[in-house]
Amino acid sequence: MSKRALIIIDIQNEYFENGNLTLVNPVEASLNAGKVLEHFRAKKLPIAHIQHLSADPEALPIFVEGTPGAEIHENVKPLDGEQIFQKYYPNSFRETGLGEYLKENGVTEVIITGMMTHMCVDATTRAAFDFGYKCTVIGDACASKDLEINGKTVKADDVHHAFLAALEFFYGEIKTTDEFLNAVS
């Protein structure tokens, strides 16, 4: 039988209204992540909060440690005793203790929520799969933003769904919050 852990990636104030990197629908995504978080708390299953910090605050003055923008959003605020891993790269496993934490807890399956779908959620899901974890991404508990390439804007909804489709093609399952919670209740 698999043991699940929840990974909540970078649901930080910087991504919300008045932040320096506002996403599309961050509140809805964070509320859905909060529902999944409450399930994991109720079941006393492992939870890993991931907090992105700027490796070079002068070059990238967002996610600066100790600033309001870098703080984890109130909708998924960690409780005392819940693990918080600070990272400086998109992959939540890189130079953090996340992998060790999952191994210590006998985890074989990870449930992933967070921000941004096209960056840290994607990188972490692919890494988790490569490390042998069964992966489920809760698609409506993730958010993205408009991106530009070659002078063209790709809308956040298209970015979000394209990355989720790519992950589902090989790296894991994509579920809604309701689909996940109904399946585990």
N, C-alpha and C. Protein backbone atom coordinates (compact mmCIF):
# COMPACT_ATOMS: atom_id res chain seq x y z
N MET A 1 0.84 -1.18 0.00
CA MET A 1 0.00 0.00 0.00
C MET A 1 0.89 1.24 0.00
N SER A 2 0.51 2.21 -0.80
CA SER A 2 1.33 3.42 -0.90
C SER A 2 1.04 4.37 0.26
N LYS A 3 2.06 5.14 0.60
CA LYS A 3 1.89 6.17 1.60
C LYS A 3 2.04 7.51 0.89
N ARG A 4 1.05 8.35 1.08
CA ARG A 4 1.01 9.63 0.39
C ARG A 4 1.60 10.75 1.24
N ALA A 5 2.15 11.73 0.53
CA ALA A 5 2.56 12.99 1.15
C ALA A 5 2.06 14.12 0.26
N LEU A 6 1.76 15.23 0.87
CA LEU A 6 1.34 16.43 0.14
C LEU A 6 2.53 17.37 0.01
N ILE A 7 2.75 17.85 -1.21
CA ILE A 7 3.77 18.88 -1.46
C ILE A 7 3.02 20.14 -1.92
N ILE A 8 3.15 21.21 -1.16
CA ILE A 8 2.53 22.50 -1.50
C ILE A 8 3.66 23.42 -1.92
N ILE A 9 3.70 23.74 -3.20
CA ILE A 9 4.84 24.46 -3.77
C ILE A 9 4.55 25.96 -3.91
N ASP A 10 5.31 26.76 -3.20
CA ASP A 10 5.40 28.21 -3.44
C ASP A 10 4.07 28.97 -3.45
N ILE A 11 3.13 28.59 -2.64
CA ILE A 11 1.90 29.40 -2.57
C ILE A 11 2.23 30.56 -1.64
N GLN A 12 2.83 31.57 -2.23
CA GLN A 12 3.39 32.71 -1.52
C GLN A 12 2.73 34.01 -1.94
N ASN A 13 2.78 34.99 -1.06
CA ASN A 13 2.09 36.27 -1.29
C ASN A 13 2.51 36.96 -2.58
N GLU A 14 3.71 36.75 -3.04
CA GLU A 14 4.21 37.40 -4.24
C GLU A 14 3.33 37.13 -5.46
N TYR A 15 2.61 36.00 -5.45
CA TYR A 15 1.79 35.59 -6.59
C TYR A 15 0.35 36.13 -6.55
N PHE A 16 0.00 36.82 -5.49
CA PHE A 16 -1.38 37.29 -5.32
C PHE A 16 -1.48 38.78 -5.65
N GLU A 17 -2.71 39.29 -5.66
CA GLU A 17 -2.93 40.70 -5.94
C GLU A 17 -1.99 41.55 -5.09
N ASN A 18 -1.42 42.54 -5.72
CA ASN A 18 -0.43 43.46 -5.12
C ASN A 18 0.94 42.81 -4.93
N GLY A 19 1.12 41.57 -5.37
CA GLY A 19 2.44 40.96 -5.35
C GLY A 19 3.21 41.39 -6.58
N ASN A 20 4.46 41.03 -6.65
CA ASN A 20 5.31 41.42 -7.79
C ASN A 20 5.26 40.45 -8.95
N LEU A 21 4.55 39.33 -8.79
CA LEU A 21 4.46 38.34 -9.86
C LEU A 21 3.05 37.72 -9.83
N THR A 22 2.05 38.57 -10.00
CA THR A 22 0.66 38.14 -9.87
C THR A 22 0.29 37.10 -10.92
N LEU A 23 -0.33 36.02 -10.46
CA LEU A 23 -0.78 34.95 -11.34
C LEU A 23 -2.27 35.11 -11.63
N VAL A 24 -2.77 34.27 -12.52
CA VAL A 24 -4.20 34.22 -12.83
C VAL A 24 -4.84 33.19 -11.90
N ASN A 25 -5.86 33.59 -11.18
CA ASN A 25 -6.62 32.74 -10.25
C ASN A 25 -5.81 32.15 -9.09
N PRO A 26 -4.95 32.93 -8.47
CA PRO A 26 -4.18 32.36 -7.36
C PRO A 26 -5.05 32.09 -6.13
N VAL A 27 -6.08 32.89 -5.91
CA VAL A 27 -6.92 32.68 -4.73
C VAL A 27 -7.65 31.35 -4.84
N GLU A 28 -8.29 31.11 -5.99
CA GLU A 28 -9.00 29.84 -6.20
C GLU A 28 -8.06 28.65 -6.02
N ALA A 29 -6.87 28.74 -6.62
CA ALA A 29 -5.91 27.64 -6.51
C ALA A 29 -5.49 27.43 -5.05
N SER A 30 -5.26 28.52 -4.33
CA SER A 30 -4.83 28.38 -2.93
C SER A 30 -5.94 27.82 -2.05
N LEU A 31 -7.17 28.20 -2.33
CA LEU A 31 -8.29 27.64 -1.55
C LEU A 31 -8.44 26.15 -1.80
N ASN A 32 -8.26 25.73 -3.04
CA ASN A 32 -8.31 24.30 -3.35
C ASN A 32 -7.14 23.56 -2.70
N ALA A 33 -5.95 24.15 -2.73
CA ALA A 33 -4.81 23.54 -2.06
C ALA A 33 -5.09 23.44 -0.56
N GLY A 34 -5.77 24.44 -0.01
CA GLY A 34 -6.14 24.41 1.40
C GLY A 34 -7.07 23.26 1.74
N LYS A 35 -7.98 22.93 0.84
CA LYS A 35 -8.88 21.79 1.06
C LYS A 35 -8.09 20.48 1.11
N VAL A 36 -7.15 20.34 0.20
CA VAL A 36 -6.31 19.14 0.17
C VAL A 36 -5.44 19.11 1.44
N LEU A 37 -4.92 20.25 1.82
CA LEU A 37 -4.11 20.35 3.04
C LEU A 37 -4.91 19.90 4.26
N GLU A 38 -6.15 20.33 4.37
CA GLU A 38 -6.99 19.93 5.51
C GLU A 38 -7.19 18.42 5.55
N HIS A 39 -7.34 17.81 4.38
CA HIS A 39 -7.47 16.34 4.32
C HIS A 39 -6.20 15.68 4.88
N PHE A 40 -5.04 16.14 4.44
CA PHE A 40 -3.78 15.56 4.91
C PHE A 40 -3.58 15.77 6.40
N ARG A 41 -3.98 16.94 6.89
CA ARG A 41 -3.88 17.19 8.33
C ARG A 41 -4.79 16.25 9.11
N ALA A 42 -6.02 16.09 8.62
CA ALA A 42 -6.99 15.22 9.31
C ALA A 42 -6.50 13.77 9.34
N LYS A 43 -5.85 13.33 8.28
CA LYS A 43 -5.35 11.95 8.20
C LYS A 43 -3.95 11.79 8.81
N LYS A 44 -3.37 12.91 9.26
CA LYS A 44 -2.03 12.90 9.86
C LYS A 44 -0.98 12.32 8.91
N LEU A 45 -1.10 12.71 7.64
CA LEU A 45 -0.14 12.29 6.62
C LEU A 45 0.93 13.36 6.44
N PRO A 46 2.09 12.99 5.93
CA PRO A 46 3.18 13.96 5.75
C PRO A 46 2.80 15.12 4.82
N ILE A 47 3.24 16.30 5.22
CA ILE A 47 2.99 17.54 4.47
C ILE A 47 4.32 18.26 4.33
N ALA A 48 4.62 18.69 3.11
CA ALA A 48 5.84 19.48 2.86
C ALA A 48 5.44 20.81 2.23
N HIS A 49 5.69 21.89 2.95
CA HIS A 49 5.48 23.23 2.42
C HIS A 49 6.80 23.67 1.77
N ILE A 50 6.71 24.15 0.55
CA ILE A 50 7.89 24.62 -0.16
C ILE A 50 7.80 26.14 -0.26
N GLN A 51 8.90 26.80 0.06
CA GLN A 51 8.96 28.26 0.02
C GLN A 51 10.14 28.67 -0.86
N HIS A 52 9.83 29.34 -1.96
CA HIS A 52 10.88 29.80 -2.86
C HIS A 52 11.48 31.10 -2.34
N LEU A 53 12.80 31.18 -2.36
CA LEU A 53 13.50 32.40 -1.97
C LEU A 53 14.47 32.79 -3.08
N SER A 54 14.72 34.07 -3.20
CA SER A 54 15.66 34.56 -4.20
C SER A 54 17.09 34.23 -3.78
N ALA A 55 17.84 33.62 -4.68
CA ALA A 55 19.24 33.31 -4.41
C ALA A 55 20.09 34.58 -4.47
N ASP A 56 19.63 35.57 -5.23
CA ASP A 56 20.35 36.83 -5.38
C ASP A 56 19.35 37.98 -5.35
N PRO A 57 19.00 38.47 -4.15
CA PRO A 57 17.98 39.51 -4.03
C PRO A 57 18.26 40.78 -4.81
N GLU A 58 19.54 41.09 -5.08
CA GLU A 58 19.84 42.29 -5.86
C GLU A 58 19.48 42.08 -7.33
N ALA A 59 19.74 40.91 -7.85
CA ALA A 59 19.42 40.61 -9.24
C ALA A 59 17.95 40.28 -9.42
N LEU A 60 17.35 39.61 -8.44
CA LEU A 60 15.95 39.20 -8.49
C LEU A 60 15.28 39.64 -7.18
N PRO A 61 14.80 40.89 -7.15
CA PRO A 61 14.25 41.43 -5.89
C PRO A 61 12.82 40.98 -5.57
N ILE A 62 12.53 39.72 -5.83
CA ILE A 62 11.26 39.14 -5.40
C ILE A 62 11.59 37.87 -4.63
N PHE A 63 10.67 37.44 -3.78
CA PHE A 63 10.88 36.27 -2.92
C PHE A 63 12.09 36.47 -2.01
N VAL A 64 12.28 37.71 -1.57
CA VAL A 64 13.40 38.01 -0.68
C VAL A 64 13.04 37.58 0.73
N GLU A 65 13.90 36.76 1.31
CA GLU A 65 13.65 36.23 2.65
C GLU A 65 13.34 37.36 3.63
N GLY A 66 12.29 37.16 4.42
CA GLY A 66 11.91 38.13 5.44
C GLY A 66 10.95 39.21 4.96
N THR A 67 10.63 39.21 3.66
CA THR A 67 9.68 40.21 3.14
C THR A 67 8.29 39.59 3.07
N PRO A 68 7.24 40.44 3.10
CA PRO A 68 5.87 39.91 3.02
C PRO A 68 5.62 39.08 1.77
N GLY A 69 6.20 39.45 0.64
CA GLY A 69 5.98 38.71 -0.60
C GLY A 69 6.50 37.28 -0.55
N ALA A 70 7.53 37.05 0.22
CA ALA A 70 8.12 35.71 0.31
C ALA A 70 7.36 34.81 1.27
N GLU A 71 6.49 35.37 2.08
CA GLU A 71 5.77 34.58 3.07
C GLU A 71 4.76 33.64 2.41
N ILE A 72 4.56 32.49 3.03
CA ILE A 72 3.55 31.55 2.55
C ILE A 72 2.18 32.15 2.81
N HIS A 73 1.30 32.06 1.81
CA HIS A 73 -0.02 32.69 1.86
C HIS A 73 -0.87 32.11 2.99
N GLU A 74 -1.69 32.95 3.57
CA GLU A 74 -2.52 32.55 4.71
C GLU A 74 -3.46 31.39 4.41
N ASN A 75 -3.84 31.18 3.15
CA ASN A 75 -4.76 30.09 2.81
C ASN A 75 -4.15 28.70 2.99
N VAL A 76 -2.82 28.63 3.06
CA VAL A 76 -2.14 27.35 3.25
C VAL A 76 -1.02 27.46 4.29
N LYS A 77 -1.17 28.40 5.19
CA LYS A 77 -0.14 28.68 6.20
C LYS A 77 0.20 27.41 6.98
N PRO A 78 1.49 27.09 7.09
CA PRO A 78 1.90 25.91 7.86
C PRO A 78 1.55 26.04 9.34
N LEU A 79 1.19 24.92 9.92
CA LEU A 79 1.00 24.84 11.36
C LEU A 79 2.33 24.49 12.01
N ASP A 80 2.44 24.77 13.30
CA ASP A 80 3.65 24.38 14.02
C ASP A 80 3.88 22.88 13.83
N GLY A 81 5.11 22.54 13.52
CA GLY A 81 5.48 21.14 13.34
C GLY A 81 5.43 20.66 11.89
N GLU A 82 4.75 21.40 11.02
CA GLU A 82 4.74 21.00 9.60
C GLU A 82 6.04 21.43 8.95
N GLN A 83 6.53 20.58 8.07
CA GLN A 83 7.82 20.80 7.43
C GLN A 83 7.76 21.92 6.38
N ILE A 84 8.73 22.81 6.45
CA ILE A 84 8.90 23.87 5.45
C ILE A 84 10.29 23.70 4.86
N PHE A 85 10.34 23.62 3.54
CA PHE A 85 11.62 23.52 2.84
C PHE A 85 11.80 24.77 2.00
N GLN A 86 12.91 25.46 2.21
CA GLN A 86 13.22 26.64 1.41
C GLN A 86 14.07 26.21 0.23
N LYS A 87 13.75 26.80 -0.93
CA LYS A 87 14.48 26.43 -2.14
C LYS A 87 14.85 27.67 -2.94
N TYR A 88 15.83 27.50 -3.81
CA TYR A 88 16.32 28.58 -4.66
C TYR A 88 16.21 28.25 -6.15
N TYR A 89 15.67 27.07 -6.44
CA TYR A 89 15.55 26.59 -7.82
C TYR A 89 14.13 26.07 -8.04
N PRO A 90 13.70 25.94 -9.30
CA PRO A 90 12.34 25.44 -9.57
C PRO A 90 12.06 24.05 -9.02
N ASN A 91 13.03 23.15 -9.05
CA ASN A 91 12.87 21.78 -8.58
C ASN A 91 12.93 21.77 -7.05
N SER A 92 11.84 21.40 -6.42
CA SER A 92 11.76 21.41 -4.96
C SER A 92 12.68 20.40 -4.28
N PHE A 93 13.24 19.48 -5.03
CA PHE A 93 14.17 18.50 -4.47
C PHE A 93 15.61 19.02 -4.45
N ARG A 94 15.91 19.98 -5.30
CA ARG A 94 17.29 20.44 -5.47
C ARG A 94 17.77 21.23 -4.25
N GLU A 95 18.78 20.71 -3.61
CA GLU A 95 19.43 21.36 -2.47
C GLU A 95 18.47 21.68 -1.33
N THR A 96 17.49 20.79 -1.13
CA THR A 96 16.59 20.89 0.01
C THR A 96 16.59 19.52 0.69
N GLY A 97 15.92 19.41 1.78
CA GLY A 97 15.80 18.12 2.45
C GLY A 97 14.54 17.37 2.09
N LEU A 98 13.86 17.79 1.03
CA LEU A 98 12.58 17.17 0.67
C LEU A 98 12.70 15.67 0.42
N GLY A 99 13.67 15.27 -0.36
CA GLY A 99 13.84 13.85 -0.67
C GLY A 99 14.06 13.01 0.58
N GLU A 100 14.90 13.49 1.47
CA GLU A 100 15.17 12.78 2.72
C GLU A 100 13.91 12.70 3.58
N TYR A 101 13.17 13.79 3.64
CA TYR A 101 11.93 13.82 4.43
C TYR A 101 10.94 12.78 3.92
N LEU A 102 10.79 12.69 2.61
CA LEU A 102 9.85 11.72 2.04
C LEU A 102 10.32 10.30 2.32
N LYS A 103 11.61 10.04 2.18
CA LYS A 103 12.15 8.70 2.48
C LYS A 103 11.97 8.34 3.95
N GLU A 104 12.28 9.27 4.83
CA GLU A 104 12.14 9.02 6.28
C GLU A 104 10.71 8.66 6.66
N ASN A 105 9.76 9.19 5.90
CA ASN A 105 8.35 8.94 6.18
C ASN A 105 7.76 7.81 5.36
N GLY A 106 8.58 7.09 4.62
CA GLY A 106 8.11 5.94 3.85
C GLY A 106 7.16 6.29 2.72
N VAL A 107 7.28 7.49 2.20
CA VAL A 107 6.37 7.97 1.16
C VAL A 107 6.68 7.31 -0.18
N THR A 108 5.63 6.88 -0.86
CA THR A 108 5.77 6.32 -2.21
C THR A 108 4.96 7.10 -3.25
N GLU A 109 4.07 7.95 -2.77
CA GLU A 109 3.19 8.72 -3.66
C GLU A 109 3.12 10.16 -3.19
N VAL A 110 3.25 11.10 -4.14
CA VAL A 110 3.17 12.52 -3.79
C VAL A 110 1.98 13.16 -4.49
N ILE A 111 1.30 14.00 -3.73
CA ILE A 111 0.20 14.80 -4.24
C ILE A 111 0.74 16.23 -4.30
N ILE A 112 0.68 16.84 -5.46
CA ILE A 112 1.35 18.12 -5.69
C ILE A 112 0.34 19.22 -6.00
N THR A 113 0.51 20.34 -5.30
CA THR A 113 -0.26 21.56 -5.54
C THR A 113 0.72 22.71 -5.59
N GLY A 114 0.31 23.84 -6.15
CA GLY A 114 1.18 25.00 -6.02
C GLY A 114 1.28 25.92 -7.20
N MET A 115 2.34 26.69 -7.17
CA MET A 115 2.55 27.76 -8.12
C MET A 115 4.02 27.78 -8.53
N MET A 116 4.32 28.02 -9.70
CA MET A 116 3.57 28.19 -10.91
C MET A 116 3.52 26.85 -11.65
N THR A 117 2.40 26.57 -12.26
CA THR A 117 2.21 25.31 -12.98
C THR A 117 3.35 25.07 -13.97
N HIS A 118 3.69 26.11 -14.72
CA HIS A 118 4.66 25.95 -15.81
C HIS A 118 6.11 25.98 -15.34
N MET A 119 6.34 26.19 -14.08
CA MET A 119 7.72 26.29 -13.61
C MET A 119 7.98 25.28 -12.48
N CYS A 120 7.71 25.66 -11.27
CA CYS A 120 8.09 24.82 -10.12
C CYS A 120 7.23 23.58 -9.96
N VAL A 121 5.93 23.67 -10.29
CA VAL A 121 5.09 22.47 -10.24
C VAL A 121 5.58 21.47 -11.28
N ASP A 122 5.85 21.93 -12.48
CA ASP A 122 6.36 21.07 -13.54
C ASP A 122 7.70 20.44 -13.15
N ALA A 123 8.65 21.27 -12.73
CA ALA A 123 9.99 20.76 -12.40
C ALA A 123 9.95 19.76 -11.25
N THR A 124 9.15 20.05 -10.24
CA THR A 124 9.07 19.16 -9.07
C THR A 124 8.38 17.85 -9.41
N THR A 125 7.33 17.90 -10.21
CA THR A 125 6.62 16.68 -10.60
C THR A 125 7.53 15.77 -11.40
N ARG A 126 8.24 16.32 -12.35
CA ARG A 126 9.15 15.51 -13.16
C ARG A 126 10.26 14.90 -12.30
N ALA A 127 10.80 15.69 -11.38
CA ALA A 127 11.84 15.18 -10.49
C ALA A 127 11.29 14.07 -9.59
N ALA A 128 10.11 14.29 -9.03
CA ALA A 128 9.50 13.28 -8.16
C ALA A 128 9.32 11.97 -8.91
N PHE A 129 8.83 12.05 -10.13
CA PHE A 129 8.67 10.85 -10.95
C PHE A 129 10.02 10.16 -11.16
N ASP A 130 11.04 10.96 -11.50
CA ASP A 130 12.37 10.40 -11.73
C ASP A 130 12.94 9.75 -10.48
N PHE A 131 12.53 10.22 -9.30
CA PHE A 131 12.98 9.61 -8.05
C PHE A 131 12.12 8.41 -7.65
N GLY A 132 11.14 8.05 -8.49
CA GLY A 132 10.37 6.85 -8.26
C GLY A 132 9.03 7.03 -7.57
N TYR A 133 8.61 8.26 -7.37
CA TYR A 133 7.32 8.50 -6.71
C TYR A 133 6.18 8.45 -7.71
N LYS A 134 5.06 7.91 -7.29
CA LYS A 134 3.82 8.04 -8.05
C LYS A 134 3.35 9.47 -7.81
N CYS A 135 2.98 10.16 -8.88
CA CYS A 135 2.65 11.58 -8.79
C CYS A 135 1.21 11.86 -9.19
N THR A 136 0.55 12.68 -8.40
CA THR A 136 -0.75 13.23 -8.75
C THR A 136 -0.67 14.73 -8.56
N VAL A 137 -1.01 15.47 -9.60
CA VAL A 137 -1.06 16.93 -9.52
C VAL A 137 -2.53 17.33 -9.45
N ILE A 138 -2.85 18.16 -8.47
CA ILE A 138 -4.21 18.67 -8.34
C ILE A 138 -4.28 19.95 -9.18
N GLY A 139 -4.78 19.80 -10.39
CA GLY A 139 -4.71 20.87 -11.38
C GLY A 139 -5.38 22.16 -10.98
N ASP A 140 -6.52 22.08 -10.30
CA ASP A 140 -7.20 23.31 -9.90
C ASP A 140 -6.67 23.87 -8.59
N ALA A 141 -5.61 23.27 -8.08
CA ALA A 141 -4.90 23.79 -6.90
C ALA A 141 -3.52 24.30 -7.32
N CYS A 142 -3.41 24.65 -8.60
CA CYS A 142 -2.19 25.22 -9.18
C CYS A 142 -2.59 26.45 -9.99
N ALA A 143 -1.63 27.33 -10.22
CA ALA A 143 -1.92 28.54 -11.01
C ALA A 143 -0.70 28.90 -11.84
N SER A 144 -0.97 29.66 -12.90
CA SER A 144 0.07 30.07 -13.82
C SER A 144 -0.15 31.52 -14.22
N LYS A 145 0.55 31.97 -15.25
CA LYS A 145 0.42 33.34 -15.73
C LYS A 145 0.58 33.37 -17.24
N ASP A 146 0.21 34.49 -17.84
CA ASP A 146 0.46 34.68 -19.26
C ASP A 146 1.97 34.64 -19.50
N LEU A 147 2.36 34.03 -20.59
CA LEU A 147 3.77 34.02 -20.99
C LEU A 147 3.89 34.58 -22.40
N GLU A 148 5.06 35.04 -22.74
CA GLU A 148 5.30 35.57 -24.08
C GLU A 148 6.42 34.81 -24.75
N ILE A 149 6.26 34.61 -26.06
CA ILE A 149 7.31 34.01 -26.87
C ILE A 149 7.19 34.57 -28.29
N ASN A 150 8.30 34.99 -28.83
CA ASN A 150 8.36 35.52 -30.19
C ASN A 150 7.30 36.60 -30.43
N GLY A 151 7.10 37.46 -29.44
CA GLY A 151 6.15 38.56 -29.57
C GLY A 151 4.70 38.16 -29.44
N LYS A 152 4.44 36.92 -29.10
CA LYS A 152 3.07 36.44 -28.94
C LYS A 152 2.81 36.12 -27.48
N THR A 153 1.59 36.42 -27.04
CA THR A 153 1.20 36.12 -25.67
C THR A 153 0.45 34.80 -25.64
N VAL A 154 0.86 33.95 -24.74
CA VAL A 154 0.16 32.69 -24.49
C VAL A 154 -0.59 32.88 -23.18
N LYS A 155 -1.90 32.80 -23.24
CA LYS A 155 -2.74 33.06 -22.07
C LYS A 155 -2.49 32.04 -20.96
N ALA A 156 -2.62 32.49 -19.73
CA ALA A 156 -2.35 31.66 -18.55
C ALA A 156 -3.13 30.36 -18.58
N ASP A 157 -4.38 30.41 -18.97
CA ASP A 157 -5.19 29.19 -19.01
C ASP A 157 -4.60 28.17 -19.98
N ASP A 158 -4.11 28.65 -21.12
CA ASP A 158 -3.48 27.76 -22.10
C ASP A 158 -2.15 27.23 -21.59
N VAL A 159 -1.36 28.10 -20.96
CA VAL A 159 -0.08 27.67 -20.36
C VAL A 159 -0.35 26.58 -19.33
N HIS A 160 -1.28 26.86 -18.42
CA HIS A 160 -1.63 25.95 -17.33
C HIS A 160 -2.04 24.58 -17.87
N HIS A 161 -2.98 24.58 -18.80
CA HIS A 161 -3.49 23.31 -19.32
C HIS A 161 -2.47 22.58 -20.19
N ALA A 162 -1.63 23.31 -20.92
CA ALA A 162 -0.60 22.65 -21.73
C ALA A 162 0.40 21.93 -20.82
N PHE A 163 0.80 22.57 -19.73
CA PHE A 163 1.75 21.93 -18.83
C PHE A 163 1.12 20.75 -18.10
N LEU A 164 -0.13 20.89 -17.69
CA LEU A 164 -0.81 19.76 -17.05
C LEU A 164 -0.95 18.60 -18.02
N ALA A 165 -1.29 18.90 -19.28
CA ALA A 165 -1.42 17.84 -20.29
C ALA A 165 -0.09 17.13 -20.52
N ALA A 166 0.99 17.90 -20.54
CA ALA A 166 2.31 17.30 -20.73
C ALA A 166 2.67 16.40 -19.55
N LEU A 167 2.36 16.83 -18.34
CA LEU A 167 2.64 16.00 -17.17
C LEU A 167 1.81 14.73 -17.18
N GLU A 168 0.53 14.86 -17.54
CA GLU A 168 -0.35 13.69 -17.54
C GLU A 168 0.04 12.69 -18.62
N PHE A 169 0.68 13.17 -19.67
CA PHE A 169 1.09 12.29 -20.76
C PHE A 169 2.03 11.19 -20.27
N PHE A 170 2.86 11.50 -19.25
CA PHE A 170 3.84 10.51 -18.81
C PHE A 170 4.15 10.53 -17.32
N TYR A 171 4.11 11.68 -16.69
CA TYR A 171 4.65 11.83 -15.34
C TYR A 171 3.69 11.60 -14.20
N GLY A 172 2.40 11.64 -14.44
CA GLY A 172 1.48 11.41 -13.34
C GLY A 172 0.04 11.68 -13.73
N GLU A 173 -0.82 11.55 -12.74
CA GLU A 173 -2.23 11.82 -12.95
C GLU A 173 -2.52 13.28 -12.64
N ILE A 174 -3.51 13.81 -13.33
CA ILE A 174 -4.00 15.15 -13.05
C ILE A 174 -5.44 15.00 -12.58
N LYS A 175 -5.73 15.54 -11.40
CA LYS A 175 -7.08 15.47 -10.85
C LYS A 175 -7.51 16.84 -10.37
N THR A 176 -8.81 17.02 -10.26
CA THR A 176 -9.33 18.22 -9.61
C THR A 176 -9.33 17.95 -8.11
N THR A 177 -9.52 19.02 -7.36
CA THR A 177 -9.62 18.88 -5.90
C THR A 177 -10.75 17.93 -5.53
N ASP A 178 -11.92 18.13 -6.12
CA ASP A 178 -13.06 17.28 -5.81
C ASP A 178 -12.83 15.82 -6.20
N GLU A 179 -12.23 15.60 -7.38
CA GLU A 179 -11.94 14.22 -7.78
C GLU A 179 -11.01 13.54 -6.78
N PHE A 180 -9.97 14.25 -6.36
CA PHE A 180 -9.05 13.67 -5.41
C PHE A 180 -9.72 13.40 -4.06
N LEU A 181 -10.42 14.39 -3.52
CA LEU A 181 -11.01 14.25 -2.19
C LEU A 181 -12.13 13.20 -2.19
N ASN A 182 -12.90 13.12 -3.26
CA ASN A 182 -13.95 12.10 -3.36
C ASN A 182 -13.36 10.69 -3.44
N ALA A 183 -12.20 10.56 -4.08
CA ALA A 183 -11.57 9.25 -4.22
C ALA A 183 -10.94 8.76 -2.93
N VAL A 184 -10.52 9.68 -2.07
CA VAL A 184 -9.82 9.28 -0.84
C VAL A 184 -10.73 9.31 0.39
N SER A 185 -11.95 9.78 0.23
CA SER A 185 -12.85 9.87 1.38
C SER A 185 -13.54 8.53 1.68
